[in-house]
Amino acid sequence: MSKTRKLTIGILAVLGIMLVVSMVSYYFHFSRPKTILKTFLNQSYNLIHEKLDQSNKLDYEDKFSLNSAIKITTSENNALTAYNYNLDIKTDLANQKIYGNIAALKENQAILNAAILINNQDVFAQIPQIYTKTLNLGASEDLWSAQTGKSVTLSDYSYILKFFKDSFIQSLENSDFSKEHTNLIINKKEIKTDKLIYKADSKRLNQVSKIFLNNLKSDSKALEILAKLTLMDKEELLKEIENNISDISKEKELEINLYTKKHSSKVLKAVLIKDQENIFCYESLDNYLAFDYYNEARITVDQQQDQKVIKLYTNDYELATFNVTEYNANKISSNFIINYEQEAIKGDFTFNSTKINDHEISTNLTININPDSNTEKINLKIDTKMSNNVSIEEFKNTDVINIDALTETDYEDINNNLLNNEFIMALLQEYYQLSSNSISF
């Protein structure tokens, strides 16, 4: 054998050994429970973050408005279908203002509308068809007592979620984990799995909580967002967390179970257990997903050919089924069956969303109920515009009266106007008619 050939064989042998060692090292590294949990948490966060980015989101800090035009039609005419409806909501939290108005319209004229305005500590109401003056309903100190003055945006949620995820990953130690083999059943299929167990007792939870607290103290943005979410002052929030850490009792423990297919790092099931109670469970196999919350609420998603079948359960009772035929960032179409007591309510809906610009989003929702049955068919159409450009004006009517100052004459006027209002009377007549028809002898 020539020296060149021997050298070539030697090099190939070394490369082969290096490849085997690398593959074995790679397997043992990525099959470590700590690495699998870290990867699973990162993948879960990335999926949520991606979905938020794909949506037609409208980020807002202090201001938000929503205006909806609502139309109801039925196969049998009734009082509700004779009118169109409008819902108008505006918030300006920085200036402590909230406005809301709902109106019943006929030929674009308000037959009845009720508006409320919260301006700092004052609450006002107007129902012009019923009472000509503006009512002062009293003070609203409690509404703003814990309000930080800013809203939480979608990007804030993404940031704080990443903060929690990164802090928890930072706390992980190899000694937190154990491993065992078990069989698992998902969607009626049995799989051999490795069960990876993360367990933290009260002492370990105390250590993990201190890592989280230290990170929070050094991350001003995370602290600000969490303060907004909890409606607490920053210093008060930090003090509350410190007190909770010192109060962790011996009975407290956290456990996370991850089930992976044997000789694989792919997570098929994840279970979060706190103080020996199942809090949350996730399952995934092929085109099947399931989510459980406290073993009481369950959602399953099953991809079947060209549609997703989504089922909602409560305490093992099938509450609803949605057959989603179209789903993307701009549109969702589905038919549904909702089980209510002994009745099955069938229908379909379509939801469209369009981002007009950085300040406005337009949506429309159409819901058809009982389209295939012989009972009354109902169609609900809601066209909505949302914006983060908001201006809340004072009530134009400056004739204000405190609600406690209303006289007997005022109450008589209000009562007469209610009984003479077209919309109110139409609803009352319909109610009495339905009540009479339900009486049998």
Protein backbone atom coordinates (compact mmCIF):
# COMPACT_ATOMS: atom_id res chain seq x y z
CA MET A 1 0.00 0.00 0.00
CA SER A 2 1.41 3.35 -1.04
CA LYS A 3 2.11 6.11 1.46
CA THR A 4 -0.39 8.35 -0.32
CA ARG A 5 -3.11 5.74 0.00
CA LYS A 6 -2.27 5.16 3.68
CA LEU A 7 -2.42 8.93 4.29
CA THR A 8 -5.79 9.17 2.54
CA ILE A 9 -7.23 6.30 4.57
CA GLY A 10 -5.84 7.82 7.75
CA ILE A 11 -7.41 11.21 7.02
CA LEU A 12 -10.77 9.61 6.19
CA ALA A 13 -10.62 7.56 9.37
CA VAL A 14 -9.93 10.66 11.48
CA LEU A 15 -12.75 12.56 9.74
CA GLY A 16 -15.08 9.63 10.32
CA ILE A 17 -14.22 9.50 14.01
CA MET A 18 -14.65 13.29 14.30
CA LEU A 19 -18.04 13.03 12.57
CA VAL A 20 -19.23 10.28 14.90
CA VAL A 21 -17.99 12.15 17.98
CA SER A 22 -19.66 15.34 16.74
CA MET A 23 -22.96 13.56 16.12
CA VAL A 24 -22.87 11.89 19.52
CA SER A 25 -21.95 15.18 21.22
CA TYR A 26 -24.71 16.96 19.29
CA TYR A 27 -27.25 14.33 20.33
CA PHE A 28 -26.27 14.39 23.99
CA HIS A 29 -26.26 18.21 24.05
CA PHE A 30 -29.63 18.65 22.39
CA SER A 31 -31.18 15.72 24.23
CA ARG A 32 -30.37 17.27 27.60
CA PRO A 33 -33.60 18.16 29.43
CA LYS A 34 -32.35 21.70 30.10
CA THR A 35 -31.60 22.28 26.40
CA ILE A 36 -34.94 20.80 25.29
CA LEU A 37 -36.90 23.03 27.69
CA LYS A 38 -34.88 26.08 26.63
CA THR A 39 -35.50 25.32 22.94
CA PHE A 40 -39.21 24.70 23.55
CA LEU A 41 -39.63 28.02 25.38
CA ASN A 42 -37.77 29.94 22.67
CA GLN A 43 -39.79 28.32 19.88
CA SER A 44 -43.06 29.02 21.69
CA TYR A 45 -42.15 32.66 22.19
CA ASN A 46 -41.01 33.07 18.57
CA LEU A 47 -44.32 31.66 17.34
CA ILE A 48 -46.33 34.08 19.47
CA HIS A 49 -44.12 37.01 18.46
CA GLU A 50 -44.47 36.09 14.77
CA LYS A 51 -48.26 35.91 15.01
CA LEU A 52 -48.38 39.34 16.64
CA ASP A 53 -46.23 40.81 13.88
CA GLN A 54 -48.38 39.25 11.14
CA SER A 55 -51.62 40.67 12.52
CA ASN A 56 -53.09 43.99 11.42
CA LYS A 57 -52.25 45.41 14.79
CA LEU A 58 -52.79 48.97 15.91
CA ASP A 59 -50.30 49.94 18.60
CA TYR A 60 -51.47 52.72 20.87
CA GLU A 61 -50.14 54.25 24.03
CA ASP A 62 -52.75 56.54 25.53
CA LYS A 63 -55.48 56.91 22.92
CA PHE A 64 -57.83 54.51 21.20
CA SER A 65 -61.19 54.80 19.46
CA LEU A 66 -63.67 52.29 18.09
CA ASN A 67 -66.74 53.03 16.00
CA SER A 68 -69.04 50.19 14.95
CA ALA A 69 -72.06 50.25 12.63
CA ILE A 70 -74.32 47.30 13.48
CA LYS A 71 -77.18 45.86 11.43
CA ILE A 72 -79.41 42.94 12.43
CA THR A 73 -81.70 41.18 9.95
CA THR A 74 -83.89 38.13 10.55
CA SER A 75 -86.20 35.90 8.53
CA GLU A 76 -89.08 37.22 10.66
CA ASN A 77 -89.34 40.97 11.18
CA ASN A 78 -89.09 42.16 14.77
CA ALA A 79 -88.38 45.34 16.72
CA LEU A 80 -84.61 44.98 16.66
CA THR A 81 -84.38 44.63 12.89
CA ALA A 82 -86.24 47.89 12.23
CA TYR A 83 -83.22 49.90 13.35
CA ASN A 84 -79.52 50.24 12.71
CA TYR A 85 -77.16 50.60 15.66
CA ASN A 86 -73.98 52.54 16.28
CA LEU A 87 -71.39 52.02 19.02
CA ASP A 88 -68.77 54.69 19.63
CA ILE A 89 -66.00 54.32 22.24
CA LYS A 90 -63.05 56.65 22.81
CA THR A 91 -60.32 56.55 25.44
CA ASP A 92 -57.68 59.15 26.27
CA LEU A 93 -56.04 57.71 29.36
CA ALA A 94 -53.26 60.27 29.61
CA ASN A 95 -55.89 62.99 30.07
CA GLN A 96 -58.18 60.69 32.07
CA LYS A 97 -61.05 60.80 29.61
CA ILE A 98 -63.39 58.04 28.41
CA TYR A 99 -66.38 58.48 26.10
CA GLY A 100 -69.02 55.96 25.10
CA ASN A 101 -72.19 56.24 23.05
CA ILE A 102 -74.72 53.70 21.76
CA ALA A 103 -77.56 54.68 19.45
CA ALA A 104 -80.56 53.13 17.71
CA LEU A 105 -80.99 54.75 14.28
CA LYS A 106 -83.73 54.92 11.67
CA GLU A 107 -83.02 56.63 8.34
CA ASN A 108 -79.74 57.89 9.88
CA GLN A 109 -81.62 59.67 12.67
CA ALA A 110 -81.06 58.71 16.32
CA ILE A 111 -84.35 57.45 17.76
CA LEU A 112 -82.61 56.78 21.07
CA ASN A 113 -79.02 57.23 22.11
CA ALA A 114 -77.20 57.20 25.43
CA ALA A 115 -73.76 58.73 25.98
CA ILE A 116 -71.42 58.76 28.94
CA LEU A 117 -68.36 60.93 29.48
CA ILE A 118 -65.75 60.43 32.18
CA ASN A 119 -63.63 63.55 32.50
CA ASN A 120 -61.03 63.28 35.25
CA GLN A 121 -63.12 62.68 38.39
CA ASP A 122 -66.48 63.68 36.89
CA VAL A 123 -68.96 61.32 35.22
CA PHE A 124 -71.65 62.75 32.94
CA ALA A 125 -74.49 61.11 30.99
CA GLN A 126 -76.76 62.28 28.20
CA ILE A 127 -79.94 60.67 26.84
CA PRO A 128 -81.33 63.61 24.83
CA GLN A 129 -84.55 61.89 23.71
CA ILE A 130 -85.43 61.13 27.33
CA TYR A 131 -84.06 64.07 29.28
CA THR A 132 -82.86 67.41 27.93
CA LYS A 133 -80.24 68.12 30.61
CA THR A 134 -76.84 66.53 31.15
CA LEU A 135 -76.72 64.33 34.26
CA ASN A 136 -73.76 64.54 36.63
CA LEU A 137 -73.49 61.00 38.04
CA GLY A 138 -70.83 61.77 40.63
CA ALA A 139 -67.11 61.27 41.06
CA SER A 140 -64.92 58.47 39.65
CA GLU A 141 -61.80 58.63 41.83
CA ASP A 142 -61.58 54.84 42.04
CA LEU A 143 -61.36 54.52 38.27
CA TRP A 144 -58.05 56.39 38.12
CA SER A 145 -56.66 55.62 41.58
CA ALA A 146 -54.35 52.88 40.27
CA GLN A 147 -54.18 53.98 36.65
CA THR A 148 -50.65 54.69 35.45
CA GLY A 149 -51.95 56.83 32.61
CA LYS A 150 -50.72 54.63 29.77
CA SER A 151 -52.04 51.60 27.93
CA VAL A 152 -50.20 48.38 27.20
CA THR A 153 -49.44 47.78 23.51
CA LEU A 154 -48.96 44.50 21.66
CA SER A 155 -45.22 45.18 21.49
CA ASP A 156 -45.26 45.65 25.29
CA TYR A 157 -46.84 42.21 25.73
CA SER A 158 -44.21 40.72 23.44
CA TYR A 159 -41.42 42.42 25.40
CA ILE A 160 -42.61 41.34 28.85
CA LEU A 161 -43.22 37.79 27.63
CA LYS A 162 -39.63 37.64 26.36
CA PHE A 163 -38.42 39.06 29.67
CA PHE A 164 -40.15 36.30 31.66
CA LYS A 165 -38.92 33.65 29.23
CA ASP A 166 -35.30 34.82 29.30
CA SER A 167 -35.26 35.19 33.08
CA PHE A 168 -36.62 31.69 33.57
CA ILE A 169 -34.12 30.20 31.09
CA GLN A 170 -31.32 32.01 32.93
CA SER A 171 -32.37 30.29 36.17
CA LEU A 172 -32.27 26.73 34.77
CA GLU A 173 -29.73 24.26 36.18
CA ASN A 174 -29.08 20.72 35.02
CA SER A 175 -29.76 19.52 38.58
CA ASP A 176 -33.38 20.74 38.24
CA PHE A 177 -34.19 17.89 35.85
CA SER A 178 -34.85 14.18 35.89
CA LYS A 179 -35.82 11.77 33.12
CA GLU A 180 -37.90 8.61 32.69
CA HIS A 181 -39.45 6.54 29.90
CA THR A 182 -43.20 6.31 29.43
CA ASN A 183 -45.93 5.70 26.86
CA LEU A 184 -48.13 8.60 25.86
CA ILE A 185 -51.52 8.74 24.12
CA ILE A 186 -52.25 11.77 21.91
CA ASN A 187 -55.33 11.92 19.70
CA LYS A 188 -55.92 8.19 20.32
CA LYS A 189 -52.37 7.31 19.20
CA GLU A 190 -49.88 5.66 21.55
CA ILE A 191 -46.25 6.82 21.36
CA LYS A 192 -43.14 5.79 23.26
CA THR A 193 -41.67 8.91 24.84
CA ASP A 194 -39.03 10.27 27.17
CA LYS A 195 -40.56 12.22 30.03
CA LEU A 196 -38.35 15.13 31.11
CA ILE A 197 -39.22 16.51 34.54
CA TYR A 198 -38.30 20.00 35.78
CA LYS A 199 -39.07 20.43 39.47
CA ALA A 200 -38.45 23.40 41.75
CA ASP A 201 -39.31 23.24 45.45
CA SER A 202 -39.88 26.30 47.66
CA LYS A 203 -36.14 26.84 48.17
CA ARG A 204 -35.45 26.66 44.45
CA LEU A 205 -38.45 28.88 43.66
CA ASN A 206 -37.01 31.45 46.02
CA GLN A 207 -33.76 31.43 44.03
CA VAL A 208 -35.58 31.66 40.69
CA SER A 209 -37.73 34.53 41.95
CA LYS A 210 -34.65 36.48 43.06
CA ILE A 211 -33.15 36.14 39.56
CA PHE A 212 -36.38 37.48 38.12
CA LEU A 213 -36.45 40.36 40.65
CA ASN A 214 -32.83 41.35 39.97
CA ASN A 215 -33.46 41.32 36.22
CA LEU A 216 -36.56 43.44 36.70
CA LYS A 217 -34.62 46.02 38.71
CA SER A 218 -32.07 46.36 35.92
CA ASP A 219 -34.63 46.42 33.06
CA SER A 220 -36.55 49.70 33.29
CA LYS A 221 -38.76 48.92 30.32
CA ALA A 222 -39.88 45.55 31.71
CA LEU A 223 -40.54 47.19 35.10
CA GLU A 224 -42.62 49.93 33.48
CA ILE A 225 -44.71 47.46 31.45
CA LEU A 226 -45.33 45.18 34.43
CA ALA A 227 -46.34 48.18 36.53
CA LYS A 228 -48.88 49.11 33.85
CA LEU A 229 -50.20 45.55 33.70
CA THR A 230 -50.62 45.31 37.47
CA LEU A 231 -51.82 48.92 37.84
CA MET A 232 -49.20 49.46 40.53
CA ASP A 233 -46.49 52.01 41.18
CA LYS A 234 -43.01 50.72 40.26
CA GLU A 235 -41.63 50.91 43.79
CA GLU A 236 -44.81 49.37 45.17
CA LEU A 237 -44.55 46.54 42.63
CA LEU A 238 -40.93 45.75 43.54
CA LYS A 239 -41.82 45.76 47.23
CA GLU A 240 -44.77 43.44 46.59
CA ILE A 241 -42.54 40.99 44.67
CA GLU A 242 -39.94 41.05 47.49
CA ASN A 243 -42.68 40.29 50.03
CA ASN A 244 -43.99 37.41 47.90
CA ILE A 245 -40.50 35.93 47.65
CA SER A 246 -40.05 35.99 51.42
CA ASP A 247 -43.51 34.43 51.88
CA ILE A 248 -42.88 31.37 49.66
CA SER A 249 -43.90 28.47 51.89
CA LYS A 250 -42.61 24.91 52.05
CA GLU A 251 -45.74 23.67 50.27
CA LYS A 252 -45.00 25.71 47.13
CA GLU A 253 -43.48 23.94 44.15
CA LEU A 254 -43.37 24.21 40.37
CA GLU A 255 -43.13 21.29 37.96
CA ILE A 256 -42.89 21.17 34.16
CA ASN A 257 -43.20 17.85 32.34
CA LEU A 258 -42.01 17.60 28.74
CA TYR A 259 -42.70 14.50 26.67
CA THR A 260 -40.50 13.91 23.63
CA LYS A 261 -40.53 11.10 21.11
CA LYS A 262 -37.82 8.58 22.04
CA HIS A 263 -34.38 9.56 20.73
CA SER A 264 -35.75 12.94 19.65
CA SER A 265 -35.87 16.45 21.09
CA LYS A 266 -39.27 17.31 19.57
CA VAL A 267 -41.77 18.10 22.34
CA LEU A 268 -45.08 16.27 21.92
CA LYS A 269 -46.60 17.33 25.22
CA ALA A 270 -45.88 19.93 27.89
CA VAL A 271 -47.59 20.13 31.28
CA LEU A 272 -47.29 22.97 33.80
CA ILE A 273 -47.99 21.91 37.40
CA LYS A 274 -48.10 24.32 40.32
CA ASP A 275 -48.52 23.10 43.87
CA GLN A 276 -49.50 19.65 42.51
CA GLU A 277 -52.32 21.08 40.37
CA ASN A 278 -52.32 20.93 36.57
CA ILE A 279 -52.43 24.51 35.33
CA PHE A 280 -51.80 24.16 31.61
CA CYS A 281 -51.22 21.35 29.12
CA TYR A 282 -50.11 21.45 25.48
CA GLU A 283 -50.17 18.51 23.04
CA SER A 284 -48.96 18.32 19.43
CA LEU A 285 -48.83 15.38 17.03
CA ASP A 286 -48.79 15.60 13.23
CA ASN A 287 -51.63 18.04 12.38
CA TYR A 288 -53.26 17.87 15.80
CA LEU A 289 -52.99 20.41 18.65
CA ALA A 290 -54.65 20.54 22.06
CA PHE A 291 -54.59 23.02 24.94
CA ASP A 292 -55.94 22.36 28.44
CA TYR A 293 -56.45 24.91 31.19
CA TYR A 294 -56.92 23.59 34.74
CA ASN A 295 -58.42 20.39 33.22
CA GLU A 296 -61.63 22.40 32.83
CA ALA A 297 -61.32 24.23 29.51
CA ARG A 298 -59.93 22.40 26.47
CA ILE A 299 -59.29 23.48 22.87
CA THR A 300 -58.34 21.04 20.11
CA VAL A 301 -57.21 21.96 16.59
CA ASP A 302 -57.19 19.25 13.93
CA GLN A 303 -56.11 19.93 10.35
CA GLN A 304 -58.41 17.92 8.09
CA GLN A 305 -57.72 18.27 4.36
CA ASP A 306 -58.44 21.92 3.47
CA GLN A 307 -59.91 23.04 6.80
CA LYS A 308 -59.09 23.28 10.49
CA VAL A 309 -61.56 21.74 12.92
CA ILE A 310 -61.48 23.56 16.25
CA LYS A 311 -63.40 22.15 19.22
CA LEU A 312 -64.04 23.85 22.56
CA TYR A 313 -64.76 21.78 25.67
CA THR A 314 -65.66 22.67 29.22
CA ASN A 315 -65.44 19.90 31.82
CA ASP A 316 -65.46 17.28 29.00
CA TYR A 317 -68.64 18.77 27.50
CA GLU A 318 -68.28 19.73 23.83
CA LEU A 319 -69.32 23.36 23.86
CA ALA A 320 -68.64 24.34 20.24
CA THR A 321 -67.12 23.20 16.94
CA PHE A 322 -65.65 25.55 14.34
CA ASN A 323 -64.77 24.36 10.83
CA VAL A 324 -62.34 27.04 9.65
CA THR A 325 -62.22 27.09 5.85
CA GLU A 326 -60.03 30.19 5.44
CA TYR A 327 -57.50 31.71 7.79
CA ASN A 328 -54.83 34.36 7.27
CA ALA A 329 -53.75 37.69 8.73
CA ASN A 330 -56.59 39.50 6.95
CA LYS A 331 -59.48 37.05 6.87
CA ILE A 332 -61.13 34.25 8.84
CA SER A 333 -64.09 32.23 7.55
CA SER A 334 -65.75 29.43 9.47
CA ASN A 335 -69.00 27.61 10.10
CA PHE A 336 -69.88 26.58 13.62
CA ILE A 337 -72.11 24.54 15.92
CA ILE A 338 -72.65 25.78 19.48
CA ASN A 339 -74.27 23.37 21.93
CA TYR A 340 -76.45 25.11 24.50
CA GLU A 341 -78.28 22.83 26.91
CA GLN A 342 -80.30 20.58 24.55
CA GLU A 343 -80.09 22.95 21.59
CA ALA A 344 -77.54 23.12 18.77
CA ILE A 345 -77.05 26.57 17.29
CA LYS A 346 -75.62 26.39 13.77
CA GLY A 347 -74.16 29.18 11.71
CA ASP A 348 -71.17 30.67 9.95
CA PHE A 349 -69.09 33.83 10.16
CA THR A 350 -66.55 35.82 8.16
CA PHE A 351 -64.14 38.35 9.64
CA ASN A 352 -62.05 40.71 7.49
CA SER A 353 -59.40 43.11 8.71
CA THR A 354 -57.60 45.81 6.71
CA LYS A 355 -54.87 48.10 7.99
CA ILE A 356 -55.56 51.45 6.32
CA ASN A 357 -52.46 53.17 7.73
CA ASP A 358 -50.44 53.32 10.95
CA HIS A 359 -53.38 55.00 12.69
CA GLU A 360 -56.46 53.19 11.36
CA ILE A 361 -57.78 49.66 10.94
CA SER A 362 -61.05 48.72 9.28
CA THR A 363 -62.82 45.44 10.07
CA ASN A 364 -66.10 43.82 9.16
CA LEU A 365 -67.75 40.84 10.79
CA THR A 366 -70.72 38.95 9.38
CA ILE A 367 -72.44 36.25 11.44
CA ASN A 368 -75.27 34.05 10.13
CA ILE A 369 -77.12 31.94 12.69
CA ASN A 370 -79.18 28.86 11.79
CA PRO A 371 -78.59 29.08 8.01
CA ASP A 372 -79.54 25.41 7.47
CA SER A 373 -82.45 25.01 9.88
CA ASN A 374 -86.15 25.80 9.71
CA THR A 375 -86.02 28.13 12.71
CA GLU A 376 -85.63 31.89 12.52
CA LYS A 377 -82.48 32.93 10.68
CA ILE A 378 -80.42 35.81 12.06
CA ASN A 379 -77.79 37.86 10.26
CA LEU A 380 -75.50 40.19 12.18
CA LYS A 381 -73.22 42.60 10.33
CA ILE A 382 -70.70 44.79 12.18
CA ASP A 383 -68.45 47.28 10.37
CA THR A 384 -65.80 48.79 12.62
CA LYS A 385 -63.10 51.41 12.37
CA MET A 386 -60.36 51.60 15.01
CA SER A 387 -57.89 54.43 15.40
CA ASN A 388 -55.20 55.75 17.73
CA ASN A 389 -55.98 59.33 16.70
CA VAL A 390 -58.53 60.44 19.29
CA SER A 391 -60.11 63.71 20.31
CA ILE A 392 -62.72 63.69 23.08
CA GLU A 393 -64.86 66.81 23.27
CA GLU A 394 -66.83 68.05 26.22
CA PHE A 395 -70.61 67.54 26.12
CA LYS A 396 -72.00 70.46 24.14
CA ASN A 397 -75.01 70.76 26.41
CA THR A 398 -73.82 72.92 29.30
CA ASP A 399 -77.09 72.60 31.27
CA VAL A 400 -75.87 70.12 33.90
CA ILE A 401 -77.81 68.77 36.88
CA ASN A 402 -76.64 66.47 39.63
CA ILE A 403 -78.57 63.20 39.60
CA ASP A 404 -79.36 63.60 43.31
CA ALA A 405 -81.03 66.93 42.54
CA LEU A 406 -83.71 65.51 40.20
CA THR A 407 -87.20 66.50 41.23
CA GLU A 408 -90.50 64.59 41.03
CA THR A 409 -91.32 66.63 37.92
CA ASP A 410 -88.02 65.56 36.35
CA TYR A 411 -88.80 61.89 37.02
CA GLU A 412 -92.28 62.30 35.54
CA ASP A 413 -90.81 63.86 32.38
CA ILE A 414 -88.26 61.05 32.10
CA ASN A 415 -90.97 58.39 32.53
CA ASN A 416 -93.28 60.03 29.96
CA ASN A 417 -90.46 60.39 27.44
CA LEU A 418 -89.51 56.72 27.89
CA LEU A 419 -93.09 55.58 27.26
CA ASN A 420 -93.38 57.83 24.22
CA ASN A 421 -90.08 56.84 22.66
CA GLU A 422 -90.56 54.83 19.45
CA PHE A 423 -87.66 52.45 20.11
CA ILE A 424 -88.58 51.74 23.74
CA MET A 425 -92.23 51.14 22.86
CA ALA A 426 -91.33 48.81 19.99
CA LEU A 427 -89.20 46.67 22.33
CA LEU A 428 -91.91 46.62 25.01
CA GLN A 429 -94.61 45.60 22.55
CA GLU A 430 -92.42 42.81 21.20
CA TYR A 431 -91.64 41.61 24.72
CA TYR A 432 -95.31 41.50 25.71
CA GLN A 433 -96.20 39.73 22.48
CA LEU A 434 -93.55 37.06 23.04
CA SER A 435 -94.65 36.67 26.66
CA SER A 436 -98.31 36.25 25.61
CA ASN A 437 -97.44 33.66 22.97
CA SER A 438 -95.51 31.62 25.53
CA ILE A 439 -98.51 31.33 27.88
CA SER A 440 -100.56 28.16 27.44
CA PHE A 441 -103.63 26.85 29.29
